[in-house]
Amino acid sequence: MRGKVESPIVTLNQLGHLLQEVRCQRGLTQRQLGQRAGFAQSAISALETSPGSAKLERIFQLLSALDLELVLRERKKYTQEHEW
């Protein structure tokens, strides 16, 4: 069974970093994840390093390939030291 992945994302850079982290935790290369999602390896690299330029549809395809889902919730109040 996979470990539980739950992480608040408040910036696009955090999204890219988390996608890369989950991919690596699952033991997948960018090429392997690309095959699952129907993307080229270069597209996975671009999504991990610069997710702001990605279409929302592509992000959802990648989430599906990683067996993740998007959950919206009220933003918690973070102290200054915990803000990204």
N, C-alpha and C. Protein backbone atom coordinates (compact mmCIF):
# COMPACT_ATOMS: atom_id res chain seq x y z
N MET A 1 0.84 -1.18 0.00
CA MET A 1 0.00 0.00 0.00
C MET A 1 0.88 1.24 0.00
N ARG A 2 0.52 2.22 -0.75
CA ARG A 2 1.29 3.45 -0.84
C ARG A 2 1.07 4.30 0.39
N GLY A 3 2.10 5.12 0.71
CA GLY A 3 1.97 6.06 1.80
C GLY A 3 0.97 7.15 1.44
N LYS A 4 0.35 7.71 2.43
CA LYS A 4 -0.64 8.76 2.20
C LYS A 4 0.06 10.04 1.78
N VAL A 5 -0.39 10.61 0.68
CA VAL A 5 0.15 11.88 0.19
C VAL A 5 -0.91 12.94 0.44
N GLU A 6 -0.58 13.88 1.28
CA GLU A 6 -1.49 14.99 1.52
C GLU A 6 -0.63 16.21 1.80
N SER A 7 -0.71 17.18 0.93
CA SER A 7 0.14 18.35 1.08
C SER A 7 -0.58 19.58 0.56
N PRO A 8 -0.64 20.63 1.35
CA PRO A 8 -1.24 21.86 0.85
C PRO A 8 -0.35 22.49 -0.22
N ILE A 9 -0.97 22.97 -1.26
CA ILE A 9 -0.24 23.63 -2.35
C ILE A 9 -0.85 25.02 -2.51
N VAL A 10 -0.03 26.03 -2.31
CA VAL A 10 -0.53 27.40 -2.46
C VAL A 10 0.20 28.16 -3.57
N THR A 11 1.22 27.53 -4.17
CA THR A 11 1.91 28.14 -5.31
C THR A 11 2.11 27.09 -6.39
N LEU A 12 2.29 27.55 -7.62
CA LEU A 12 2.52 26.62 -8.72
C LEU A 12 3.85 25.89 -8.57
N ASN A 13 4.85 26.55 -8.04
CA ASN A 13 6.14 25.88 -7.83
C ASN A 13 6.00 24.71 -6.88
N GLN A 14 5.17 24.87 -5.86
CA GLN A 14 4.93 23.76 -4.93
C GLN A 14 4.28 22.59 -5.65
N LEU A 15 3.38 22.87 -6.57
CA LEU A 15 2.73 21.81 -7.33
C LEU A 15 3.77 21.01 -8.12
N GLY A 16 4.63 21.69 -8.82
CA GLY A 16 5.66 21.01 -9.60
C GLY A 16 6.57 20.16 -8.73
N HIS A 17 6.97 20.72 -7.60
CA HIS A 17 7.86 19.99 -6.68
C HIS A 17 7.15 18.75 -6.13
N LEU A 18 5.89 18.89 -5.75
CA LEU A 18 5.15 17.76 -5.20
C LEU A 18 4.94 16.67 -6.25
N LEU A 19 4.63 17.05 -7.47
CA LEU A 19 4.47 16.06 -8.53
C LEU A 19 5.75 15.26 -8.73
N GLN A 20 6.88 15.96 -8.73
CA GLN A 20 8.17 15.29 -8.88
C GLN A 20 8.45 14.36 -7.69
N GLU A 21 8.15 14.85 -6.50
CA GLU A 21 8.37 14.06 -5.29
C GLU A 21 7.54 12.77 -5.31
N VAL A 22 6.28 12.88 -5.67
CA VAL A 22 5.41 11.70 -5.71
C VAL A 22 5.90 10.73 -6.79
N ARG A 23 6.26 11.27 -7.95
CA ARG A 23 6.77 10.41 -9.02
C ARG A 23 7.98 9.61 -8.54
N CYS A 24 8.90 10.28 -7.88
CA CYS A 24 10.11 9.61 -7.40
C CYS A 24 9.79 8.60 -6.30
N GLN A 25 8.87 8.94 -5.39
CA GLN A 25 8.47 8.01 -4.34
C GLN A 25 7.86 6.75 -4.92
N ARG A 26 7.20 6.88 -6.06
CA ARG A 26 6.57 5.73 -6.70
C ARG A 26 7.55 4.97 -7.59
N GLY A 27 8.80 5.44 -7.64
CA GLY A 27 9.83 4.75 -8.40
C GLY A 27 9.68 4.88 -9.90
N LEU A 28 9.07 5.97 -10.34
CA LEU A 28 8.84 6.18 -11.77
C LEU A 28 9.82 7.19 -12.34
N THR A 29 10.28 6.94 -13.55
CA THR A 29 11.06 7.94 -14.27
C THR A 29 10.08 8.88 -14.96
N GLN A 30 10.58 9.99 -15.44
CA GLN A 30 9.72 10.91 -16.20
C GLN A 30 9.18 10.20 -17.44
N ARG A 31 9.99 9.40 -18.06
CA ARG A 31 9.56 8.66 -19.26
C ARG A 31 8.43 7.69 -18.92
N GLN A 32 8.56 6.95 -17.81
CA GLN A 32 7.52 6.00 -17.42
C GLN A 32 6.21 6.71 -17.09
N LEU A 33 6.30 7.81 -16.36
CA LEU A 33 5.10 8.56 -16.02
C LEU A 33 4.48 9.15 -17.29
N GLY A 34 5.32 9.60 -18.19
CA GLY A 34 4.82 10.12 -19.46
C GLY A 34 4.05 9.07 -20.24
N GLN A 35 4.53 7.84 -20.22
CA GLN A 35 3.82 6.76 -20.91
C GLN A 35 2.46 6.51 -20.27
N ARG A 36 2.40 6.56 -18.96
CA ARG A 36 1.11 6.38 -18.26
C ARG A 36 0.13 7.50 -18.58
N ALA A 37 0.66 8.73 -18.65
CA ALA A 37 -0.21 9.90 -18.84
C ALA A 37 -0.44 10.22 -20.32
N GLY A 38 0.35 9.60 -21.20
CA GLY A 38 0.21 9.90 -22.63
C GLY A 38 1.00 11.13 -23.05
N PHE A 39 2.06 11.45 -22.32
CA PHE A 39 2.91 12.62 -22.62
C PHE A 39 4.32 12.17 -22.95
N ALA A 40 5.05 13.02 -23.61
CA ALA A 40 6.48 12.81 -23.81
C ALA A 40 7.21 13.10 -22.50
N GLN A 41 8.39 12.55 -22.34
CA GLN A 41 9.21 12.80 -21.15
C GLN A 41 9.44 14.29 -20.96
N SER A 42 9.65 15.00 -22.05
CA SER A 42 9.91 16.45 -21.97
C SER A 42 8.71 17.20 -21.40
N ALA A 43 7.50 16.70 -21.65
CA ALA A 43 6.29 17.33 -21.10
C ALA A 43 6.22 17.14 -19.59
N ILE A 44 6.63 15.96 -19.12
CA ILE A 44 6.65 15.71 -17.67
C ILE A 44 7.67 16.63 -17.02
N SER A 45 8.82 16.75 -17.63
CA SER A 45 9.86 17.65 -17.11
C SER A 45 9.34 19.08 -17.02
N ALA A 46 8.67 19.53 -18.07
CA ALA A 46 8.13 20.89 -18.08
C ALA A 46 7.07 21.09 -17.00
N LEU A 47 6.21 20.08 -16.79
CA LEU A 47 5.19 20.18 -15.75
C LEU A 47 5.80 20.24 -14.36
N GLU A 48 6.89 19.51 -14.16
CA GLU A 48 7.55 19.51 -12.85
C GLU A 48 8.32 20.80 -12.59
N THR A 49 8.89 21.38 -13.61
CA THR A 49 9.72 22.57 -13.41
C THR A 49 8.97 23.88 -13.61
N SER A 50 7.93 23.85 -14.42
CA SER A 50 7.20 25.09 -14.71
C SER A 50 5.72 24.79 -14.92
N PRO A 51 5.02 24.38 -13.86
CA PRO A 51 3.62 23.97 -14.02
C PRO A 51 2.68 25.12 -14.37
N GLY A 52 3.13 26.35 -14.22
CA GLY A 52 2.29 27.50 -14.52
C GLY A 52 1.90 27.61 -15.97
N SER A 53 2.70 27.02 -16.85
CA SER A 53 2.40 27.09 -18.28
C SER A 53 1.53 25.93 -18.76
N ALA A 54 1.21 25.00 -17.86
CA ALA A 54 0.44 23.81 -18.24
C ALA A 54 -1.05 24.10 -18.24
N LYS A 55 -1.74 23.46 -19.16
CA LYS A 55 -3.21 23.52 -19.16
C LYS A 55 -3.72 22.67 -18.00
N LEU A 56 -4.82 23.08 -17.44
CA LEU A 56 -5.42 22.35 -16.32
C LEU A 56 -5.73 20.91 -16.71
N GLU A 57 -6.14 20.69 -17.93
CA GLU A 57 -6.44 19.33 -18.41
C GLU A 57 -5.20 18.44 -18.29
N ARG A 58 -4.04 18.96 -18.64
CA ARG A 58 -2.79 18.17 -18.55
C ARG A 58 -2.45 17.86 -17.10
N ILE A 59 -2.67 18.83 -16.23
CA ILE A 59 -2.39 18.60 -14.81
C ILE A 59 -3.28 17.48 -14.29
N PHE A 60 -4.56 17.48 -14.68
CA PHE A 60 -5.46 16.42 -14.25
C PHE A 60 -5.07 15.06 -14.83
N GLN A 61 -4.59 15.03 -16.06
CA GLN A 61 -4.11 13.77 -16.64
C GLN A 61 -2.93 13.24 -15.84
N LEU A 62 -2.04 14.13 -15.44
CA LEU A 62 -0.87 13.72 -14.67
C LEU A 62 -1.29 13.24 -13.28
N LEU A 63 -2.21 13.96 -12.64
CA LEU A 63 -2.71 13.52 -11.34
C LEU A 63 -3.32 12.12 -11.44
N SER A 64 -4.08 11.88 -12.49
CA SER A 64 -4.69 10.57 -12.69
C SER A 64 -3.63 9.49 -12.87
N ALA A 65 -2.60 9.79 -13.64
CA ALA A 65 -1.52 8.81 -13.87
C ALA A 65 -0.77 8.49 -12.58
N LEU A 66 -0.76 9.43 -11.65
CA LEU A 66 -0.11 9.22 -10.35
C LEU A 66 -1.10 8.71 -9.29
N ASP A 67 -2.34 8.49 -9.70
CA ASP A 67 -3.41 8.03 -8.80
C ASP A 67 -3.63 9.03 -7.67
N LEU A 68 -3.66 10.32 -8.04
CA LEU A 68 -3.91 11.41 -7.10
C LEU A 68 -5.19 12.12 -7.48
N GLU A 69 -5.73 12.88 -6.56
CA GLU A 69 -6.91 13.69 -6.83
C GLU A 69 -6.71 15.09 -6.27
N LEU A 70 -7.45 16.02 -6.79
CA LEU A 70 -7.41 17.40 -6.33
C LEU A 70 -8.54 17.61 -5.32
N VAL A 71 -8.19 18.18 -4.17
CA VAL A 71 -9.18 18.48 -3.13
C VAL A 71 -9.07 19.97 -2.81
N LEU A 72 -10.20 20.65 -2.83
CA LEU A 72 -10.22 22.07 -2.47
C LEU A 72 -10.75 22.22 -1.06
N ARG A 73 -10.12 23.12 -0.31
CA ARG A 73 -10.57 23.38 1.06
C ARG A 73 -10.21 24.81 1.43
N GLU A 74 -10.80 25.27 2.50
CA GLU A 74 -10.47 26.60 3.01
C GLU A 74 -8.99 26.63 3.36
N ARG A 75 -8.33 27.73 3.05
CA ARG A 75 -6.92 27.86 3.34
C ARG A 75 -6.71 28.05 4.83
N LYS A 76 -5.76 27.31 5.38
CA LYS A 76 -5.39 27.49 6.78
C LYS A 76 -4.56 28.75 6.92
N LYS A 77 -4.61 29.32 8.08
CA LYS A 77 -3.78 30.49 8.37
C LYS A 77 -2.42 30.00 8.84
N TYR A 78 -1.39 30.34 8.09
CA TYR A 78 -0.03 29.94 8.44
C TYR A 78 0.69 31.12 9.07
N THR A 79 1.61 30.81 9.96
CA THR A 79 2.44 31.87 10.49
C THR A 79 3.46 32.24 9.42
N GLN A 80 4.07 33.37 9.56
CA GLN A 80 5.01 33.88 8.56
C GLN A 80 6.13 32.86 8.28
N GLU A 81 6.63 32.16 9.29
CA GLU A 81 7.73 31.24 9.10
C GLU A 81 7.35 30.03 8.26
N HIS A 82 6.05 29.71 8.14
CA HIS A 82 5.63 28.56 7.38
C HIS A 82 5.13 28.91 5.98
N GLU A 83 5.07 30.17 5.63
CA GLU A 83 4.61 30.57 4.31
C GLU A 83 5.69 30.27 3.29
N TRP A 84 5.25 29.92 2.08
CA TRP A 84 6.21 29.61 1.03
C TRP A 84 6.42 30.82 0.20
